């Protein structure tokens, strides 16, 4: 009995003396935006070895819905795992935390129901200007980046990623467009895609995925893929992946995992 009490005492002392340290997977930064007239939060994931390999530069993944309580942790985990098993190169993740995603991810709509459902919508032009004029220069200045720039967006985030692809193609060269809300404004973004990029070519690898999410969303995602592939375009590749086993709530993980593999093919 005394031995048991003695052992419990040792265990208590050991536990009491145990030191704890924070378990960190990234860093949080604030950037003041003139374009948006507000301060935005960035969640940054730096790959293993970033602080040691000072001559190495890295691809950057810009993640919409990048708040800590949204998609940042999930995508950082996928990237860390795929890097560990050498399925993709070490990469920086810039998670853009939301303030009002309905405002930032949509362009103006003429549809009354859209205005009713998303009364703050219509501000994507300013958000895209923020990405181009402030965010990307900030990332380039503060981190060792190369020219590979990926954007990941789902739902309204997928709508924004598609808008950037169609209207501001130069901002990224890899696009992960998951379950895009192309229904917005009576599918007007799809109508803009006629013969995109035919004259000058494009540097873009595009991954589009959709699950079992209603006929309109499924048809629109397929139409986006079809329109982009209607004619061969030098420098552009499009992969469309239907994922019927997934819903709007479950698709992100599996689609992003597949996208990161597709966009980083293994050399044979």
C-alpha atoms as a PDB file:
ATOM      1  CA  UNK A   1       0.000   0.000   0.000  1.00  0.00           C
ATOM      2  CA  UNK A   2       2.827   2.389   0.880  1.00  0.00           C
ATOM      3  CA  UNK A   3       4.537   1.529  -2.413  1.00  0.00           C
ATOM      4  CA  UNK A   4       1.340   2.348  -4.323  1.00  0.00           C
ATOM      5  CA  UNK A   5       1.017   5.694  -2.548  1.00  0.00           C
ATOM      6  CA  UNK A   6       4.699   6.388  -3.275  1.00  0.00           C
ATOM      7  CA  UNK A   7       4.237   5.630  -6.980  1.00  0.00           C
ATOM      8  CA  UNK A   8       1.168   7.863  -7.180  1.00  0.00           C
ATOM      9  CA  UNK A   9       3.192  10.611  -5.508  1.00  0.00           C
ATOM     10  CA  UNK A  10       5.950  10.318  -8.117  1.00  0.00           C
ATOM     11  CA  UNK A  11       3.361  10.403 -10.909  1.00  0.00           C
ATOM     12  CA  UNK A  12       1.751  13.524  -9.419  1.00  0.00           C
ATOM     13  CA  UNK A  13       5.102  15.304  -9.076  1.00  0.00           C
ATOM     14  CA  UNK A  14       6.119  14.340 -12.634  1.00  0.00           C
ATOM     15  CA  UNK A  15       2.823  15.591 -14.030  1.00  0.00           C
ATOM     16  CA  UNK A  16       3.003  18.804 -12.037  1.00  0.00           C
ATOM     17  CA  UNK A  17       6.524  19.469 -13.307  1.00  0.00           C
ATOM     18  CA  UNK A  18       5.755  18.669 -16.959  1.00  0.00           C
ATOM     19  CA  UNK A  19       6.304  21.640 -19.218  1.00  0.00           C
ATOM     20  CA  UNK A  20       3.932  22.570 -22.002  1.00  0.00           C
ATOM     21  CA  UNK A  21       4.650  24.472 -25.185  1.00  0.00           C
ATOM     22  CA  UNK A  22       2.241  25.712 -27.855  1.00  0.00           C
ATOM     23  CA  UNK A  23       1.626  23.397 -30.810  1.00  0.00           C
ATOM     24  CA  UNK A  24       1.924  25.705 -33.804  1.00  0.00           C
ATOM     25  CA  UNK A  25       1.148  25.026 -37.451  1.00  0.00           C
ATOM     26  CA  UNK A  26       1.434  28.563 -38.746  1.00  0.00           C
ATOM     27  CA  UNK A  27       1.429  32.238 -37.994  1.00  0.00           C
ATOM     28  CA  UNK A  28      -1.188  34.984 -38.043  1.00  0.00           C
ATOM     29  CA  UNK A  29      -0.547  38.326 -39.721  1.00  0.00           C
ATOM     30  CA  UNK A  30      -2.601  41.460 -40.218  1.00  0.00           C
ATOM     31  CA  UNK A  31      -2.566  43.480 -43.411  1.00  0.00           C
ATOM     32  CA  UNK A  32      -4.212  46.872 -43.792  1.00  0.00           C
ATOM     33  CA  UNK A  33      -6.078  47.102 -47.088  1.00  0.00           C
ATOM     34  CA  UNK A  34      -6.639  50.436 -48.771  1.00  0.00           C
ATOM     35  CA  UNK A  35      -8.692  48.737 -51.476  1.00  0.00           C
ATOM     36  CA  UNK A  36     -11.125  47.287 -48.931  1.00  0.00           C
ATOM     37  CA  UNK A  37     -10.681  49.999 -46.289  1.00  0.00           C
ATOM     38  CA  UNK A  38     -10.253  47.403 -43.568  1.00  0.00           C
ATOM     39  CA  UNK A  39      -7.655  45.230 -41.873  1.00  0.00           C
ATOM     40  CA  UNK A  40      -7.540  41.624 -43.025  1.00  0.00           C
ATOM     41  CA  UNK A  41      -6.203  38.599 -41.191  1.00  0.00           C
ATOM     42  CA  UNK A  42      -3.878  36.162 -42.946  1.00  0.00           C
ATOM     43  CA  UNK A  43      -3.181  32.661 -41.663  1.00  0.00           C
ATOM     44  CA  UNK A  44       0.196  31.531 -42.969  1.00  0.00           C
ATOM     45  CA  UNK A  45       1.532  27.977 -43.209  1.00  0.00           C
ATOM     46  CA  UNK A  46       5.260  27.656 -43.917  1.00  0.00           C
ATOM     47  CA  UNK A  47       6.620  24.279 -44.993  1.00  0.00           C
ATOM     48  CA  UNK A  48       9.073  22.279 -42.929  1.00  0.00           C
ATOM     49  CA  UNK A  49      12.598  23.547 -43.413  1.00  0.00           C
ATOM     50  CA  UNK A  50      11.548  27.019 -44.528  1.00  0.00           C
ATOM     51  CA  UNK A  51      13.726  28.724 -41.911  1.00  0.00           C
ATOM     52  CA  UNK A  52      16.772  26.603 -42.796  1.00  0.00           C
ATOM     53  CA  UNK A  53      16.715  26.396 -46.588  1.00  0.00           C
ATOM     54  CA  UNK A  54      17.293  30.089 -47.133  1.00  0.00           C
ATOM     55  CA  UNK A  55      18.052  29.780 -50.831  1.00  0.00           C
ATOM     56  CA  UNK A  56      14.884  27.858 -51.674  1.00  0.00           C
ATOM     57  CA  UNK A  57      11.757  29.509 -53.051  1.00  0.00           C
ATOM     58  CA  UNK A  58       8.268  28.078 -52.747  1.00  0.00           C
ATOM     59  CA  UNK A  59       4.924  27.900 -54.546  1.00  0.00           C
ATOM     60  CA  UNK A  60       2.113  29.785 -52.843  1.00  0.00           C
ATOM     61  CA  UNK A  61      -1.427  28.506 -52.316  1.00  0.00           C
ATOM     62  CA  UNK A  62      -3.960  31.275 -51.716  1.00  0.00           C
ATOM     63  CA  UNK A  63      -6.882  29.842 -49.804  1.00  0.00           C
ATOM     64  CA  UNK A  64     -10.272  31.518 -49.821  1.00  0.00           C
ATOM     65  CA  UNK A  65     -12.342  30.851 -46.690  1.00  0.00           C
ATOM     66  CA  UNK A  66      -8.964  30.719 -44.958  1.00  0.00           C
ATOM     67  CA  UNK A  67     -10.064  31.496 -41.403  1.00  0.00           C
ATOM     68  CA  UNK A  68      -8.833  29.266 -38.591  1.00  0.00           C
ATOM     69  CA  UNK A  69     -12.399  28.023 -38.046  1.00  0.00           C
ATOM     70  CA  UNK A  70     -13.005  27.466 -41.765  1.00  0.00           C
ATOM     71  CA  UNK A  71     -10.694  25.701 -44.232  1.00  0.00           C
ATOM     72  CA  UNK A  72      -7.174  26.717 -43.201  1.00  0.00           C
ATOM     73  CA  UNK A  73      -6.443  23.830 -40.832  1.00  0.00           C
ATOM     74  CA  UNK A  74      -7.841  21.253 -43.240  1.00  0.00           C
ATOM     75  CA  UNK A  75      -5.914  22.416 -46.295  1.00  0.00           C
ATOM     76  CA  UNK A  76      -2.713  22.886 -44.285  1.00  0.00           C
ATOM     77  CA  UNK A  77      -3.036  19.268 -43.148  1.00  0.00           C
ATOM     78  CA  UNK A  78      -3.492  18.018 -46.710  1.00  0.00           C
ATOM     79  CA  UNK A  79      -0.515  20.012 -47.964  1.00  0.00           C
ATOM     80  CA  UNK A  80       1.694  18.850 -45.076  1.00  0.00           C
ATOM     81  CA  UNK A  81       0.739  15.222 -45.715  1.00  0.00           C
ATOM     82  CA  UNK A  82       1.153  15.344 -49.489  1.00  0.00           C
ATOM     83  CA  UNK A  83       4.508  17.063 -49.039  1.00  0.00           C
ATOM     84  CA  UNK A  84       5.620  14.432 -46.547  1.00  0.00           C
ATOM     85  CA  UNK A  85       4.846  11.592 -48.978  1.00  0.00           C
ATOM     86  CA  UNK A  86       6.456  13.562 -51.829  1.00  0.00           C
ATOM     87  CA  UNK A  87       3.251  13.975 -53.808  1.00  0.00           C
ATOM     88  CA  UNK A  88       3.725  17.743 -54.086  1.00  0.00           C
ATOM     89  CA  UNK A  89       6.528  20.249 -53.459  1.00  0.00           C
ATOM     90  CA  UNK A  90       6.818  22.116 -50.155  1.00  0.00           C
ATOM     91  CA  UNK A  91       4.462  25.084 -50.396  1.00  0.00           C
ATOM     92  CA  UNK A  92       3.377  28.189 -48.534  1.00  0.00           C
ATOM     93  CA  UNK A  93      -0.324  28.570 -47.728  1.00  0.00           C
ATOM     94  CA  UNK A  94      -1.884  32.001 -47.356  1.00  0.00           C
ATOM     95  CA  UNK A  95      -5.321  31.624 -45.795  1.00  0.00           C
ATOM     96  CA  UNK A  96      -7.426  34.754 -46.235  1.00  0.00           C
ATOM     97  CA  UNK A  97      -9.720  35.032 -43.242  1.00  0.00           C
ATOM     98  CA  UNK A  98     -13.234  36.203 -43.987  1.00  0.00           C
ATOM     99  CA  UNK A  99     -15.027  39.320 -42.894  1.00  0.00           C
ATOM    100  CA  UNK A 100     -17.965  39.120 -45.317  1.00  0.00           C
ATOM    101  CA  UNK A 101     -17.521  36.345 -47.890  1.00  0.00           C
ATOM    102  CA  UNK A 102     -20.893  37.094 -49.505  1.00  0.00           C
ATOM    103  CA  UNK A 103     -19.669  40.607 -50.263  1.00  0.00           C
ATOM    104  CA  UNK A 104     -16.151  39.662 -51.314  1.00  0.00           C
ATOM    105  CA  UNK A 105     -16.879  36.597 -53.450  1.00  0.00           C
ATOM    106  CA  UNK A 106     -19.748  37.908 -55.608  1.00  0.00           C
ATOM    107  CA  UNK A 107     -20.018  40.496 -58.365  1.00  0.00           C
ATOM    108  CA  UNK A 108     -23.136  42.687 -58.708  1.00  0.00           C
ATOM    109  CA  UNK A 109     -26.301  40.792 -59.605  1.00  0.00           C
ATOM    110  CA  UNK A 110     -29.378  42.029 -61.418  1.00  0.00           C
ATOM    111  CA  UNK A 111     -31.475  39.198 -59.981  1.00  0.00           C
ATOM    112  CA  UNK A 112     -33.866  40.271 -57.241  1.00  0.00           C
ATOM    113  CA  UNK A 113     -33.657  36.939 -55.430  1.00  0.00           C
ATOM    114  CA  UNK A 114     -29.851  37.146 -55.359  1.00  0.00           C
ATOM    115  CA  UNK A 115     -30.041  40.618 -53.817  1.00  0.00           C
ATOM    116  CA  UNK A 116     -32.553  39.390 -51.252  1.00  0.00           C
ATOM    117  CA  UNK A 117     -30.528  36.312 -50.298  1.00  0.00           C
ATOM    118  CA  UNK A 118     -27.148  38.085 -50.256  1.00  0.00           C
ATOM    119  CA  UNK A 119     -27.912  41.749 -49.500  1.00  0.00           C
ATOM    120  CA  UNK A 120     -24.241  42.634 -48.996  1.00  0.00           C
ATOM    121  CA  UNK A 121     -23.159  40.922 -52.223  1.00  0.00           C
ATOM    122  CA  UNK A 122     -21.461  42.535 -55.173  1.00  0.00           C
ATOM    123  CA  UNK A 123     -18.011  43.502 -53.899  1.00  0.00           C
ATOM    124  CA  UNK A 124     -15.714  41.066 -55.701  1.00  0.00           C
ATOM    125  CA  UNK A 125     -14.051  43.773 -57.818  1.00  0.00           C
ATOM    126  CA  UNK A 126     -12.572  45.413 -54.718  1.00  0.00           C
ATOM    127  CA  UNK A 127     -11.561  42.060 -53.271  1.00  0.00           C
ATOM    128  CA  UNK A 128      -9.787  41.089 -56.487  1.00  0.00           C
ATOM    129  CA  UNK A 129      -8.017  44.462 -56.442  1.00  0.00           C
ATOM    130  CA  UNK A 130      -6.937  43.695 -52.874  1.00  0.00           C
ATOM    131  CA  UNK A 131      -5.476  40.376 -54.022  1.00  0.00           C
ATOM    132  CA  UNK A 132      -3.658  41.913 -56.991  1.00  0.00           C
ATOM    133  CA  UNK A 133      -2.446  45.232 -55.610  1.00  0.00           C
ATOM    134  CA  UNK A 134      -1.894  44.451 -51.939  1.00  0.00           C
ATOM    135  CA  UNK A 135      -1.946  40.775 -50.982  1.00  0.00           C
ATOM    136  CA  UNK A 136       0.247  39.247 -53.666  1.00  0.00           C
ATOM    137  CA  UNK A 137       2.880  42.038 -53.399  1.00  0.00           C
ATOM    138  CA  UNK A 138       2.868  41.628 -49.604  1.00  0.00           C
ATOM    139  CA  UNK A 139       3.428  37.877 -49.856  1.00  0.00           C
ATOM    140  CA  UNK A 140       6.172  38.325 -52.445  1.00  0.00           C
ATOM    141  CA  UNK A 141       7.903  40.895 -50.243  1.00  0.00           C
ATOM    142  CA  UNK A 142       7.750  38.947 -46.984  1.00  0.00           C
ATOM    143  CA  UNK A 143       8.238  35.344 -48.124  1.00  0.00           C
ATOM    144  CA  UNK A 144      10.519  33.450 -50.510  1.00  0.00           C
ATOM    145  CA  UNK A 145       8.120  32.662 -53.314  1.00  0.00           C
ATOM    146  CA  UNK A 146       8.431  31.427 -56.871  1.00  0.00           C
ATOM    147  CA  UNK A 147       6.040  32.014 -59.766  1.00  0.00           C
ATOM    148  CA  UNK A 148       3.623  29.155 -59.027  1.00  0.00           C
ATOM    149  CA  UNK A 149       0.447  30.692 -57.609  1.00  0.00           C
ATOM    150  CA  UNK A 150      -2.609  28.558 -56.797  1.00  0.00           C
ATOM    151  CA  UNK A 151      -6.051  29.691 -55.691  1.00  0.00           C
ATOM    152  CA  UNK A 152      -8.498  27.349 -53.953  1.00  0.00           C
ATOM    153  CA  UNK A 153     -12.167  28.249 -53.637  1.00  0.00           C
ATOM    154  CA  UNK A 154     -15.366  26.349 -52.887  1.00  0.00           C
ATOM    155  CA  UNK A 155     -18.992  27.381 -53.403  1.00  0.00           C
ATOM    156  CA  UNK A 156     -19.026  31.211 -53.509  1.00  0.00           C
ATOM    157  CA  UNK A 157     -15.250  30.933 -53.235  1.00  0.00           C
ATOM    158  CA  UNK A 158     -15.395  28.773 -56.361  1.00  0.00           C
ATOM    159  CA  UNK A 159     -17.417  31.488 -58.061  1.00  0.00           C
ATOM    160  CA  UNK A 160     -14.732  34.040 -57.211  1.00  0.00           C
ATOM    161  CA  UNK A 161     -11.939  31.736 -58.400  1.00  0.00           C
ATOM    162  CA  UNK A 162     -13.827  31.255 -61.678  1.00  0.00           C
ATOM    163  CA  UNK A 163     -14.322  35.015 -62.046  1.00  0.00           C
ATOM    164  CA  UNK A 164     -10.588  35.592 -61.567  1.00  0.00           C
ATOM    165  CA  UNK A 165      -9.858  32.876 -64.128  1.00  0.00           C
ATOM    166  CA  UNK A 166     -12.128  34.489 -66.711  1.00  0.00           C
ATOM    167  CA  UNK A 167     -11.433  38.171 -66.051  1.00  0.00           C
ATOM    168  CA  UNK A 168      -8.011  38.359 -64.336  1.00  0.00           C
ATOM    169  CA  UNK A 169      -6.271  35.248 -65.547  1.00  0.00           C
ATOM    170  CA  UNK A 170      -2.763  36.553 -64.901  1.00  0.00           C
ATOM    171  CA  UNK A 171      -3.207  36.566 -61.125  1.00  0.00           C
ATOM    172  CA  UNK A 172      -2.847  32.784 -60.778  1.00  0.00           C
ATOM    173  CA  UNK A 173      -1.601  29.914 -62.852  1.00  0.00           C
ATOM    174  CA  UNK A 174      -3.296  27.098 -60.952  1.00  0.00           C
ATOM    175  CA  UNK A 175      -6.980  27.117 -60.149  1.00  0.00           C
ATOM    176  CA  UNK A 176      -8.859  24.733 -57.825  1.00  0.00           C
ATOM    177  CA  UNK A 177     -12.546  25.432 -58.371  1.00  0.00           C
ATOM    178  CA  UNK A 178     -14.804  23.282 -56.200  1.00  0.00           C
ATOM    179  CA  UNK A 179     -18.618  23.335 -56.371  1.00  0.00           C
ATOM    180  CA  UNK A 180     -18.673  26.858 -57.837  1.00  0.00           C
ATOM    181  CA  UNK A 181     -21.799  28.969 -57.287  1.00  0.00           C
ATOM    182  CA  UNK A 182     -22.095  29.802 -60.973  1.00  0.00           C
ATOM    183  CA  UNK A 183     -25.865  30.197 -60.648  1.00  0.00           C
ATOM    184  CA  UNK A 184     -25.193  33.748 -59.412  1.00  0.00           C
ATOM    185  CA  UNK A 185     -26.749  36.500 -61.584  1.00  0.00           C
ATOM    186  CA  UNK A 186     -28.418  34.000 -63.905  1.00  0.00           C
ATOM    187  CA  UNK A 187     -25.116  32.286 -64.761  1.00  0.00           C
ATOM    188  CA  UNK A 188     -23.753  35.469 -66.326  1.00  0.00           C
ATOM    189  CA  UNK A 189     -20.132  34.460 -65.736  1.00  0.00           C
ATOM    190  CA  UNK A 190     -20.603  31.374 -67.893  1.00  0.00           C
ATOM    191  CA  UNK A 191     -21.993  33.563 -70.653  1.00  0.00           C
ATOM    192  CA  UNK A 192     -18.716  35.528 -70.677  1.00  0.00           C
ATOM    193  CA  UNK A 193     -16.744  32.441 -71.641  1.00  0.00           C
ATOM    194  CA  UNK A 194     -16.899  32.387 -75.421  1.00  0.00           C
ATOM    195  CA  UNK A 195     -13.431  31.937 -76.811  1.00  0.00           C
ATOM    196  CA  UNK A 196     -11.294  32.690 -73.782  1.00  0.00           C
ATOM    197  CA  UNK A 197      -7.565  33.181 -74.042  1.00  0.00           C
ATOM    198  CA  UNK A 198      -7.476  32.285 -77.735  1.00  0.00           C
ATOM    199  CA  UNK A 199      -5.425  35.238 -78.893  1.00  0.00           C
ATOM    200  CA  UNK A 200      -2.604  35.343 -76.379  1.00  0.00           C
ATOM    201  CA  UNK A 201      -2.650  31.888 -74.809  1.00  0.00           C
ATOM    202  CA  UNK A 202      -2.576  31.320 -71.073  1.00  0.00           C
ATOM    203  CA  UNK A 203      -0.500  29.765 -68.324  1.00  0.00           C
ATOM    204  CA  UNK A 204      -3.127  27.943 -66.295  1.00  0.00           C
ATOM    205  CA  UNK A 205      -3.815  24.490 -64.937  1.00  0.00           C
ATOM    206  CA  UNK A 206      -7.442  24.243 -63.893  1.00  0.00           C
ATOM    207  CA  UNK A 207      -9.116  21.644 -61.665  1.00  0.00           C
ATOM    208  CA  UNK A 208     -12.912  21.677 -61.376  1.00  0.00           C
ATOM    209  CA  UNK A 209     -14.900  19.340 -59.118  1.00  0.00           C
ATOM    210  CA  UNK A 210     -18.532  18.987 -58.151  1.00  0.00           C
ATOM    211  CA  UNK A 211     -20.465  16.470 -56.084  1.00  0.00           C
ATOM    212  CA  UNK A 212     -24.113  15.523 -55.856  1.00  0.00           C
ATOM    213  CA  UNK A 213     -25.229  19.093 -55.168  1.00  0.00           C
ATOM    214  CA  UNK A 214     -28.313  19.738 -57.264  1.00  0.00           C
ATOM    215  CA  UNK A 215     -28.781  19.762 -61.009  1.00  0.00           C
ATOM    216  CA  UNK A 216     -27.938  23.435 -61.528  1.00  0.00           C
ATOM    217  CA  UNK A 217     -24.631  23.384 -59.666  1.00  0.00           C
ATOM    218  CA  UNK A 218     -23.651  20.093 -61.289  1.00  0.00           C
ATOM    219  CA  UNK A 219     -24.609  21.259 -64.796  1.00  0.00           C
ATOM    220  CA  UNK A 220     -22.908  24.629 -64.334  1.00  0.00           C
ATOM    221  CA  UNK A 221     -19.626  23.063 -63.225  1.00  0.00           C
ATOM    222  CA  UNK A 222     -19.691  20.753 -66.239  1.00  0.00           C
ATOM    223  CA  UNK A 223     -20.518  23.688 -68.525  1.00  0.00           C
ATOM    224  CA  UNK A 224     -17.580  25.663 -67.135  1.00  0.00           C
ATOM    225  CA  UNK A 225     -15.288  22.775 -67.966  1.00  0.00           C
ATOM    226  CA  UNK A 226     -16.806  22.286 -71.418  1.00  0.00           C
ATOM    227  CA  UNK A 227     -16.552  25.961 -72.327  1.00  0.00           C
ATOM    228  CA  UNK A 228     -12.943  26.162 -71.233  1.00  0.00           C
ATOM    229  CA  UNK A 229     -12.123  23.091 -73.304  1.00  0.00           C
ATOM    230  CA  UNK A 230     -14.212  23.986 -76.357  1.00  0.00           C
ATOM    231  CA  UNK A 231     -11.040  24.728 -78.310  1.00  0.00           C
ATOM    232  CA  UNK A 232      -7.423  23.862 -77.500  1.00  0.00           C
ATOM    233  CA  UNK A 233      -5.580  26.737 -75.863  1.00  0.00           C
ATOM    234  CA  UNK A 234      -1.818  26.816 -75.650  1.00  0.00           C
ATOM    235  CA  UNK A 235      -0.663  26.663 -72.053  1.00  0.00           C
ATOM    236  CA  UNK A 236      -4.036  25.737 -70.538  1.00  0.00           C
ATOM    237  CA  UNK A 237      -5.152  22.374 -69.171  1.00  0.00           C
ATOM    238  CA  UNK A 238      -8.507  21.575 -67.615  1.00  0.00           C
ATOM    239  CA  UNK A 239      -9.422  18.558 -65.483  1.00  0.00           C
ATOM    240  CA  UNK A 240     -13.064  18.054 -64.542  1.00  0.00           C
ATOM    241  CA  UNK A 241     -13.791  15.550 -61.767  1.00  0.00           C
ATOM    242  CA  UNK A 242     -17.386  14.655 -60.880  1.00  0.00           C
ATOM    243  CA  UNK A 243     -17.541  13.293 -57.336  1.00  0.00           C
ATOM    244  CA  UNK A 244     -21.094  11.917 -57.015  1.00  0.00           C
ATOM    245  CA  UNK A 245     -20.381  10.317 -53.634  1.00  0.00           C
ATOM    246  CA  UNK A 246     -19.776  13.769 -52.124  1.00  0.00           C
ATOM    247  CA  UNK A 247     -22.231  16.475 -51.061  1.00  0.00           C
ATOM    248  CA  UNK A 248     -21.749  20.230 -50.744  1.00  0.00           C
ATOM    249  CA  UNK A 249     -20.715  19.673 -47.121  1.00  0.00           C
ATOM    250  CA  UNK A 250     -18.298  16.784 -47.679  1.00  0.00           C
ATOM    251  CA  UNK A 251     -16.572  17.520 -50.983  1.00  0.00           C
ATOM    252  CA  UNK A 252     -13.816  19.918 -49.953  1.00  0.00           C
ATOM    253  CA  UNK A 253     -11.321  17.457 -48.457  1.00  0.00           C
ATOM    254  CA  UNK A 254     -11.409  14.823 -51.161  1.00  0.00           C
ATOM    255  CA  UNK A 255     -11.576  17.351 -53.991  1.00  0.00           C
ATOM    256  CA  UNK A 256      -8.652  19.396 -52.655  1.00  0.00           C
ATOM    257  CA  UNK A 257      -6.598  16.235 -52.091  1.00  0.00           C
ATOM    258  CA  UNK A 258      -7.240  15.113 -55.657  1.00  0.00           C
ATOM    259  CA  UNK A 259      -6.598  18.592 -57.049  1.00  0.00           C
ATOM    260  CA  UNK A 260      -3.219  18.921 -55.356  1.00  0.00           C
ATOM    261  CA  UNK A 261      -2.190  15.562 -56.809  1.00  0.00           C
ATOM    262  CA  UNK A 262      -3.424  16.425 -60.300  1.00  0.00           C
ATOM    263  CA  UNK A 263      -1.719  19.817 -60.280  1.00  0.00           C
ATOM    264  CA  UNK A 264       1.552  18.266 -59.105  1.00  0.00           C
ATOM    265  CA  UNK A 265       2.050  15.217 -61.329  1.00  0.00           C
ATOM    266  CA  UNK A 266       4.884  12.932 -60.311  1.00  0.00           C
ATOM    267  CA  UNK A 267       7.889  12.811 -62.608  1.00  0.00           C
ATOM    268  CA  UNK A 268       8.580   9.322 -63.959  1.00  0.00           C
END
